[in-house]
């Protein structure tokens, strides 16, 4: 069963970011990612040079008081050219903990919080 999600970023084209609760279960995460791929599909989306849409899924963690950091949980890649996409790819990332000690001045928080994302 999917859970409520919130759209954080949407180019109107091939890139979107949604957020989900940190407490989401793996089975709920996958169902929510599938639902987001269905809900966010539109034949009017322009891919700007690509035929695929990427939906990144994140949550917010609080490694210490007054500190909030994004934690990327996964991503969905789906076709922009067909409504029913049987080749939709869902990737769920291993959960990484974010700690300020891991953040360097040359890396973004998103990269540090999910080192396996790309």
N, C-alpha and C. Protein backbone atom coordinates (compact mmCIF):
# COMPACT_ATOMS: atom_id res chain seq x y z
N UNK A 1 0.84 -1.17 0.00
CA UNK A 1 0.00 0.00 0.00
C UNK A 1 0.89 1.24 0.00
N UNK A 2 0.56 2.18 -0.87
CA UNK A 2 1.36 3.40 -0.94
C UNK A 2 0.97 4.35 0.19
N UNK A 3 1.86 5.28 0.47
CA UNK A 3 1.61 6.29 1.51
C UNK A 3 1.56 7.67 0.86
N UNK A 4 1.13 8.64 1.63
CA UNK A 4 1.06 10.02 1.12
C UNK A 4 2.46 10.50 0.74
N UNK A 5 2.52 11.18 -0.37
CA UNK A 5 3.79 11.75 -0.81
C UNK A 5 3.57 13.21 -1.13
N UNK A 6 4.65 13.95 -1.13
CA UNK A 6 4.59 15.37 -1.44
C UNK A 6 5.60 15.68 -2.53
N UNK A 7 5.16 16.42 -3.51
CA UNK A 7 6.02 16.83 -4.61
C UNK A 7 6.90 17.98 -4.14
N UNK A 8 8.21 17.78 -4.21
CA UNK A 8 9.17 18.79 -3.76
C UNK A 8 9.68 19.61 -4.93
N UNK A 9 9.91 18.94 -6.06
CA UNK A 9 10.53 19.59 -7.21
C UNK A 9 10.00 18.94 -8.48
N UNK A 10 9.67 19.76 -9.46
CA UNK A 10 9.18 19.23 -10.72
C UNK A 10 9.53 20.21 -11.83
N UNK A 11 10.32 19.75 -12.78
CA UNK A 11 10.71 20.62 -13.89
C UNK A 11 9.59 20.73 -14.93
N UNK A 12 8.55 19.91 -14.79
CA UNK A 12 7.53 19.85 -15.82
C UNK A 12 7.99 18.99 -16.98
N UNK A 13 9.18 18.44 -16.84
CA UNK A 13 9.77 17.61 -17.88
C UNK A 13 10.17 16.26 -17.33
N UNK A 14 11.46 16.02 -17.32
CA UNK A 14 11.94 14.67 -17.01
C UNK A 14 12.44 14.48 -15.58
N UNK A 15 12.44 15.51 -14.76
CA UNK A 15 13.00 15.39 -13.41
C UNK A 15 11.99 15.81 -12.34
N UNK A 16 11.77 14.94 -11.36
CA UNK A 16 10.93 15.28 -10.21
C UNK A 16 11.56 14.71 -8.95
N UNK A 17 11.19 15.31 -7.83
CA UNK A 17 11.59 14.80 -6.52
C UNK A 17 10.35 14.80 -5.64
N UNK A 18 10.13 13.67 -4.96
CA UNK A 18 9.03 13.58 -4.00
C UNK A 18 9.62 13.28 -2.63
N UNK A 19 8.85 13.57 -1.60
CA UNK A 19 9.28 13.24 -0.25
C UNK A 19 8.24 12.35 0.41
N UNK A 20 8.73 11.46 1.26
CA UNK A 20 7.89 10.51 1.99
C UNK A 20 8.33 10.53 3.45
N UNK A 21 7.49 9.99 4.36
CA UNK A 21 7.90 9.93 5.77
C UNK A 21 9.11 9.03 5.98
N UNK A 22 9.95 9.37 6.94
CA UNK A 22 11.13 8.58 7.25
C UNK A 22 10.75 7.16 7.70
N UNK A 23 9.59 7.03 8.30
CA UNK A 23 9.15 5.75 8.86
C UNK A 23 8.57 4.80 7.83
N UNK A 24 8.63 5.14 6.56
CA UNK A 24 8.05 4.31 5.51
C UNK A 24 8.71 2.94 5.46
N UNK A 25 7.88 1.90 5.34
CA UNK A 25 8.39 0.52 5.23
C UNK A 25 8.82 0.26 3.79
N UNK A 26 9.77 -0.67 3.58
CA UNK A 26 10.23 -0.96 2.21
C UNK A 26 9.09 -1.32 1.25
N UNK A 27 8.12 -2.11 1.71
CA UNK A 27 7.00 -2.47 0.83
C UNK A 27 6.15 -1.24 0.49
N UNK A 28 5.98 -0.34 1.44
CA UNK A 28 5.24 0.90 1.20
C UNK A 28 6.02 1.81 0.26
N UNK A 29 7.34 1.82 0.40
CA UNK A 29 8.18 2.66 -0.45
C UNK A 29 8.04 2.24 -1.91
N UNK A 30 8.13 0.96 -2.17
CA UNK A 30 8.01 0.49 -3.55
C UNK A 30 6.62 0.81 -4.12
N UNK A 31 5.57 0.57 -3.33
CA UNK A 31 4.21 0.87 -3.80
C UNK A 31 4.04 2.37 -4.05
N UNK A 32 4.62 3.19 -3.19
CA UNK A 32 4.53 4.64 -3.34
C UNK A 32 5.28 5.10 -4.59
N UNK A 33 6.42 4.49 -4.86
CA UNK A 33 7.19 4.83 -6.05
C UNK A 33 6.41 4.47 -7.32
N UNK A 34 5.77 3.31 -7.31
CA UNK A 34 4.95 2.90 -8.46
C UNK A 34 3.80 3.88 -8.66
N UNK A 35 3.14 4.26 -7.57
CA UNK A 35 2.01 5.18 -7.65
C UNK A 35 2.46 6.55 -8.15
N UNK A 36 3.60 7.02 -7.68
CA UNK A 36 4.13 8.32 -8.13
C UNK A 36 4.42 8.28 -9.63
N UNK A 37 4.95 7.18 -10.12
CA UNK A 37 5.25 7.06 -11.55
C UNK A 37 3.98 7.12 -12.38
N UNK A 38 2.92 6.55 -11.88
CA UNK A 38 1.63 6.61 -12.57
C UNK A 38 1.05 8.02 -12.49
N UNK A 39 1.04 8.58 -11.29
CA UNK A 39 0.42 9.89 -11.06
C UNK A 39 1.14 11.02 -11.78
N UNK A 40 2.45 10.95 -11.86
CA UNK A 40 3.23 12.05 -12.44
C UNK A 40 3.39 11.94 -13.95
N UNK A 41 2.98 10.81 -14.52
CA UNK A 41 3.05 10.69 -15.98
C UNK A 41 2.05 11.63 -16.63
N UNK A 42 2.49 12.28 -17.68
CA UNK A 42 1.61 13.12 -18.49
C UNK A 42 2.18 13.15 -19.89
N UNK A 43 1.32 12.99 -20.90
CA UNK A 43 1.84 13.03 -22.28
C UNK A 43 2.39 14.41 -22.65
N UNK A 44 2.06 15.43 -21.87
CA UNK A 44 2.55 16.78 -22.16
C UNK A 44 3.91 17.09 -21.58
N UNK A 45 4.48 16.18 -20.81
CA UNK A 45 5.81 16.42 -20.24
C UNK A 45 6.85 16.40 -21.35
N UNK A 46 7.66 17.41 -21.38
CA UNK A 46 8.76 17.43 -22.36
C UNK A 46 10.00 16.85 -21.74
N UNK A 47 10.65 15.94 -22.42
CA UNK A 47 11.84 15.29 -21.89
C UNK A 47 13.12 16.07 -22.08
N UNK A 48 13.06 17.16 -22.84
CA UNK A 48 14.24 17.98 -23.09
C UNK A 48 15.45 17.12 -23.49
N UNK A 49 15.25 16.37 -24.57
CA UNK A 49 16.37 15.57 -25.08
C UNK A 49 16.39 14.14 -24.58
N UNK A 50 15.49 13.78 -23.68
CA UNK A 50 15.44 12.41 -23.19
C UNK A 50 14.01 11.90 -23.28
N UNK A 51 13.87 10.61 -23.39
CA UNK A 51 12.56 9.98 -23.48
C UNK A 51 12.14 9.37 -22.15
N UNK A 52 12.93 9.60 -21.10
CA UNK A 52 12.65 9.01 -19.80
C UNK A 52 12.41 10.08 -18.75
N UNK A 53 11.65 9.72 -17.73
CA UNK A 53 11.41 10.59 -16.59
C UNK A 53 12.03 9.93 -15.37
N UNK A 54 12.69 10.71 -14.54
CA UNK A 54 13.28 10.21 -13.30
C UNK A 54 12.57 10.87 -12.13
N UNK A 55 12.09 10.03 -11.22
CA UNK A 55 11.45 10.49 -9.99
C UNK A 55 12.35 10.06 -8.85
N UNK A 56 12.92 11.01 -8.16
CA UNK A 56 13.76 10.69 -7.00
C UNK A 56 12.91 10.80 -5.74
N UNK A 57 13.14 9.88 -4.81
CA UNK A 57 12.36 9.82 -3.59
C UNK A 57 13.28 10.11 -2.41
N UNK A 58 12.86 11.05 -1.58
CA UNK A 58 13.69 11.39 -0.43
C UNK A 58 12.84 11.54 0.82
N UNK A 59 13.53 11.55 1.93
CA UNK A 59 12.92 11.86 3.21
C UNK A 59 13.86 12.84 3.90
N UNK A 60 13.49 13.30 5.05
CA UNK A 60 14.34 14.21 5.83
C UNK A 60 14.73 13.52 7.13
N UNK A 61 16.00 13.55 7.44
CA UNK A 61 16.49 13.00 8.71
C UNK A 61 17.02 14.13 9.57
N UNK A 62 17.04 13.88 10.86
CA UNK A 62 17.51 14.88 11.83
C UNK A 62 18.61 14.24 12.68
N UNK A 63 19.86 14.30 12.19
CA UNK A 63 20.95 13.62 12.89
C UNK A 63 21.29 14.23 14.24
N UNK A 64 20.89 15.45 14.45
CA UNK A 64 21.08 16.12 15.74
C UNK A 64 20.06 17.24 15.83
N UNK A 65 19.82 17.77 17.02
CA UNK A 65 18.84 18.84 17.16
C UNK A 65 19.14 20.02 16.22
N UNK A 66 18.08 20.55 15.62
CA UNK A 66 18.16 21.72 14.73
C UNK A 66 18.93 21.46 13.43
N UNK A 67 19.12 20.20 13.07
CA UNK A 67 19.79 19.87 11.81
C UNK A 67 18.86 18.95 11.01
N UNK A 68 18.55 19.36 9.80
CA UNK A 68 17.73 18.54 8.90
C UNK A 68 18.52 18.29 7.63
N UNK A 69 18.50 17.04 7.16
CA UNK A 69 19.24 16.69 5.95
C UNK A 69 18.40 15.76 5.09
N UNK A 70 18.46 15.93 3.77
CA UNK A 70 17.73 15.00 2.90
C UNK A 70 18.45 13.65 2.83
N UNK A 71 17.65 12.62 2.75
CA UNK A 71 18.16 11.27 2.58
C UNK A 71 17.42 10.66 1.39
N UNK A 72 18.12 10.39 0.32
CA UNK A 72 17.50 9.83 -0.87
C UNK A 72 17.31 8.33 -0.70
N UNK A 73 16.05 7.88 -0.88
CA UNK A 73 15.69 6.49 -0.63
C UNK A 73 15.63 5.65 -1.90
N UNK A 74 15.47 6.30 -3.04
CA UNK A 74 15.39 5.55 -4.28
C UNK A 74 15.00 6.43 -5.44
N UNK A 75 14.83 5.78 -6.60
CA UNK A 75 14.39 6.51 -7.77
C UNK A 75 13.66 5.58 -8.72
N UNK A 76 12.79 6.20 -9.52
CA UNK A 76 12.03 5.49 -10.54
C UNK A 76 12.40 6.11 -11.88
N UNK A 77 12.65 5.26 -12.85
CA UNK A 77 12.85 5.73 -14.23
C UNK A 77 11.75 5.10 -15.06
N UNK A 78 11.03 5.97 -15.77
CA UNK A 78 9.93 5.50 -16.60
C UNK A 78 9.90 6.25 -17.92
N UNK A 79 9.21 5.68 -18.87
CA UNK A 79 9.10 6.26 -20.20
C UNK A 79 8.19 7.48 -20.18
N UNK A 80 8.56 8.49 -20.95
CA UNK A 80 7.68 9.64 -21.16
C UNK A 80 6.81 9.45 -22.40
N UNK A 81 7.12 8.45 -23.21
CA UNK A 81 6.41 8.28 -24.47
C UNK A 81 5.23 7.32 -24.40
N UNK A 82 5.14 6.53 -23.33
CA UNK A 82 4.02 5.59 -23.23
C UNK A 82 3.46 5.56 -21.82
N UNK A 83 2.13 5.58 -21.74
CA UNK A 83 1.46 5.62 -20.43
C UNK A 83 1.70 4.34 -19.64
N UNK A 84 1.52 3.20 -20.27
CA UNK A 84 1.76 1.91 -19.62
C UNK A 84 3.21 1.53 -19.88
N UNK A 85 4.05 1.66 -18.87
CA UNK A 85 5.48 1.40 -19.03
C UNK A 85 5.85 0.10 -18.33
N UNK A 86 5.94 -0.98 -19.08
CA UNK A 86 6.29 -2.28 -18.49
C UNK A 86 7.78 -2.42 -18.24
N UNK A 87 8.56 -1.43 -18.65
CA UNK A 87 10.01 -1.45 -18.41
C UNK A 87 10.42 -0.43 -17.35
N UNK A 88 9.45 0.05 -16.57
CA UNK A 88 9.74 1.01 -15.51
C UNK A 88 10.75 0.40 -14.54
N UNK A 89 11.78 1.15 -14.20
CA UNK A 89 12.83 0.66 -13.30
C UNK A 89 12.71 1.35 -11.95
N UNK A 90 12.59 0.54 -10.91
CA UNK A 90 12.53 1.06 -9.54
C UNK A 90 13.78 0.61 -8.82
N UNK A 91 14.49 1.58 -8.26
CA UNK A 91 15.70 1.27 -7.49
C UNK A 91 15.54 1.84 -6.09
N UNK A 92 15.65 0.97 -5.10
CA UNK A 92 15.58 1.39 -3.70
C UNK A 92 16.99 1.35 -3.15
N UNK A 93 17.45 2.48 -2.64
CA UNK A 93 18.81 2.59 -2.13
C UNK A 93 18.89 2.07 -0.70
N UNK A 94 20.03 1.51 -0.32
CA UNK A 94 20.23 1.14 1.09
C UNK A 94 20.20 2.41 1.94
N UNK A 95 19.59 2.32 3.08
CA UNK A 95 19.52 3.49 3.95
C UNK A 95 20.88 3.79 4.53
N UNK A 96 21.27 5.03 4.40
CA UNK A 96 22.53 5.51 4.95
C UNK A 96 22.18 6.52 6.05
N UNK A 97 22.96 6.56 7.07
CA UNK A 97 22.70 7.60 8.06
C UNK A 97 23.50 8.83 7.68
N UNK A 98 22.93 9.97 7.94
CA UNK A 98 23.61 11.23 7.64
C UNK A 98 24.19 11.76 8.93
N UNK A 99 25.45 12.06 8.90
CA UNK A 99 26.03 12.69 10.08
C UNK A 99 26.88 13.86 9.61
N UNK A 100 26.86 14.95 10.33
CA UNK A 100 27.62 16.12 9.92
C UNK A 100 29.10 15.83 9.72
N UNK A 101 29.62 14.85 10.44
CA UNK A 101 31.04 14.53 10.32
C UNK A 101 31.37 13.99 8.92
N UNK A 102 30.38 13.43 8.23
CA UNK A 102 30.61 12.86 6.91
C UNK A 102 30.59 13.92 5.81
N UNK A 103 30.10 15.09 6.10
CA UNK A 103 29.93 16.10 5.07
C UNK A 103 31.22 16.88 4.86
N UNK A 104 31.68 16.89 3.62
CA UNK A 104 32.86 17.67 3.29
C UNK A 104 32.44 18.88 2.49
N UNK A 105 33.27 19.83 2.34
CA UNK A 105 32.93 21.05 1.62
C UNK A 105 32.81 20.81 0.12
N UNK A 106 33.27 19.69 -0.38
CA UNK A 106 33.22 19.43 -1.82
C UNK A 106 32.06 18.54 -2.23
N UNK A 107 31.30 18.02 -1.27
CA UNK A 107 30.18 17.14 -1.60
C UNK A 107 28.88 17.74 -1.08
N UNK A 108 27.82 17.51 -1.83
CA UNK A 108 26.51 17.98 -1.38
C UNK A 108 25.98 17.01 -0.33
N UNK A 109 25.04 17.48 0.47
CA UNK A 109 24.44 16.62 1.48
C UNK A 109 23.76 15.44 0.81
N UNK A 110 23.10 15.66 -0.32
CA UNK A 110 22.42 14.57 -1.00
C UNK A 110 23.39 13.47 -1.40
N UNK A 111 24.56 13.86 -1.88
CA UNK A 111 25.57 12.86 -2.25
C UNK A 111 26.07 12.11 -1.04
N UNK A 112 26.32 12.81 0.03
CA UNK A 112 26.83 12.17 1.24
C UNK A 112 25.81 11.25 1.86
N UNK A 113 24.54 11.69 1.87
CA UNK A 113 23.49 10.90 2.53
C UNK A 113 23.13 9.64 1.77
N UNK A 114 23.38 9.59 0.52
CA UNK A 114 23.08 8.38 -0.22
C UNK A 114 24.21 8.11 -1.20
N UNK A 115 25.28 7.59 -0.69
CA UNK A 115 26.48 7.37 -1.47
C UNK A 115 26.26 6.38 -2.61
N UNK A 116 25.27 5.53 -2.48
CA UNK A 116 25.02 4.52 -3.51
C UNK A 116 24.06 5.01 -4.59
N UNK A 117 23.62 6.24 -4.54
CA UNK A 117 22.64 6.74 -5.51
C UNK A 117 23.20 6.75 -6.92
N UNK A 118 24.38 7.19 -7.10
CA UNK A 118 25.02 7.22 -8.43
C UNK A 118 26.50 7.24 -8.25
